[in-house]
Amino acid sequence: MNKVVLALAASAAFFAAQAHAEITVEDTDGNGSYSMEELSAAVEGLTEEQFGQIDADANGEVSADELAAAVAAGVIAG
């Protein structure tokens, strides 16, 4: 069972502040990526539409890189 914790800091210059986001997702099947079920267990209220935005290559699974990009882009909050 693998877990990944993404701790990302994003700076908003126009607010002159930093926001810190952290998401812990458990890879319950150990395949190295995250399904809708695995991701929705970590992200309350995750919708199919959001999952589709996060799954950039549309393969039905979210990689750690896709998840990090989604958090950095504000698609989901940590």
Protein backbone atom coordinates (compact mmCIF):
# COMPACT_ATOMS: atom_id res chain seq x y z
CA MET A 1 0.00 0.00 0.00
CA ASN A 2 1.57 3.25 -1.12
CA LYS A 3 0.73 6.73 0.07
CA VAL A 4 1.78 9.99 -1.44
CA VAL A 5 1.68 13.33 0.27
CA LEU A 6 1.87 16.32 -1.94
CA ALA A 7 2.95 19.44 -0.17
CA LEU A 8 2.84 22.27 -2.61
CA ALA A 9 3.33 25.94 -1.93
CA ALA A 10 1.91 28.49 -4.35
CA SER A 11 2.64 32.19 -4.13
CA ALA A 12 0.08 34.74 -5.21
CA ALA A 13 2.08 37.91 -5.85
CA PHE A 14 -0.96 40.13 -6.05
CA PHE A 15 -1.94 39.07 -2.50
CA ALA A 16 1.66 38.96 -1.29
CA ALA A 17 0.88 35.75 0.58
CA GLN A 18 1.52 32.05 0.33
CA ALA A 19 -1.08 29.29 0.35
CA HIS A 20 -0.07 25.78 1.34
CA ALA A 21 -1.91 22.74 0.01
CA GLU A 22 -1.56 19.15 1.13
CA ILE A 23 -3.41 16.09 -0.09
CA THR A 24 -2.78 12.55 1.09
CA VAL A 25 -4.00 9.90 -1.34
CA GLU A 26 -3.72 6.18 -0.68
CA ASP A 27 -2.97 3.90 -3.63
CA THR A 28 -5.01 1.01 -2.26
CA ASP A 29 -4.46 -1.33 -5.21
CA GLY A 30 -0.73 -0.53 -5.46
CA ASN A 31 -0.75 0.18 -9.21
CA GLY A 32 1.11 3.47 -8.93
CA SER A 33 -1.80 5.72 -9.90
CA TYR A 34 -5.12 6.82 -8.43
CA SER A 35 -8.64 5.83 -9.45
CA MET A 36 -11.73 7.97 -8.94
CA GLU A 37 -12.50 5.93 -5.81
CA GLU A 38 -9.00 6.40 -4.34
CA LEU A 39 -8.93 10.11 -5.10
CA SER A 40 -12.46 10.79 -3.90
CA ALA A 41 -11.56 9.17 -0.55
CA ALA A 42 -8.95 11.92 -0.13
CA VAL A 43 -10.78 14.84 -1.77
CA GLU A 44 -14.21 15.48 -0.31
CA GLY A 45 -16.83 16.28 -2.92
CA LEU A 46 -14.67 15.34 -5.92
CA THR A 47 -16.83 15.25 -9.03
CA GLU A 48 -16.44 13.19 -12.20
CA GLU A 49 -15.85 16.46 -14.06
CA GLN A 50 -12.97 17.39 -11.75
CA PHE A 51 -11.51 13.90 -12.06
CA GLY A 52 -11.61 14.29 -15.85
CA GLN A 53 -9.75 17.59 -15.59
CA ILE A 54 -7.11 16.03 -13.34
CA ASP A 55 -6.71 12.95 -15.58
CA ALA A 56 -4.88 14.89 -18.29
CA ASP A 57 -4.17 11.87 -20.50
CA ALA A 58 -7.74 10.51 -20.08
CA ASN A 59 -6.59 6.99 -19.21
CA GLY A 60 -8.96 6.66 -16.25
CA GLU A 61 -6.18 6.92 -13.65
CA VAL A 62 -4.44 9.93 -12.10
CA SER A 63 -0.66 9.89 -11.81
CA ALA A 64 1.24 11.71 -9.05
CA ASP A 65 2.32 14.28 -11.66
CA GLU A 66 -1.27 14.86 -12.81
CA LEU A 67 -2.37 15.25 -9.19
CA ALA A 68 0.42 17.74 -8.43
CA ALA A 69 -0.47 19.76 -11.53
CA ALA A 70 -4.16 19.82 -10.52
CA VAL A 71 -3.36 21.09 -7.05
CA ALA A 72 -0.96 23.72 -8.43
CA ALA A 73 -3.62 24.86 -10.94
CA GLY A 74 -6.31 25.04 -8.26
CA VAL A 75 -8.51 22.35 -9.82
CA ILE A 76 -8.68 20.80 -6.36
CA ALA A 77 -7.66 22.26 -3.04
CA GLY A 78 -5.37 20.58 -0.59
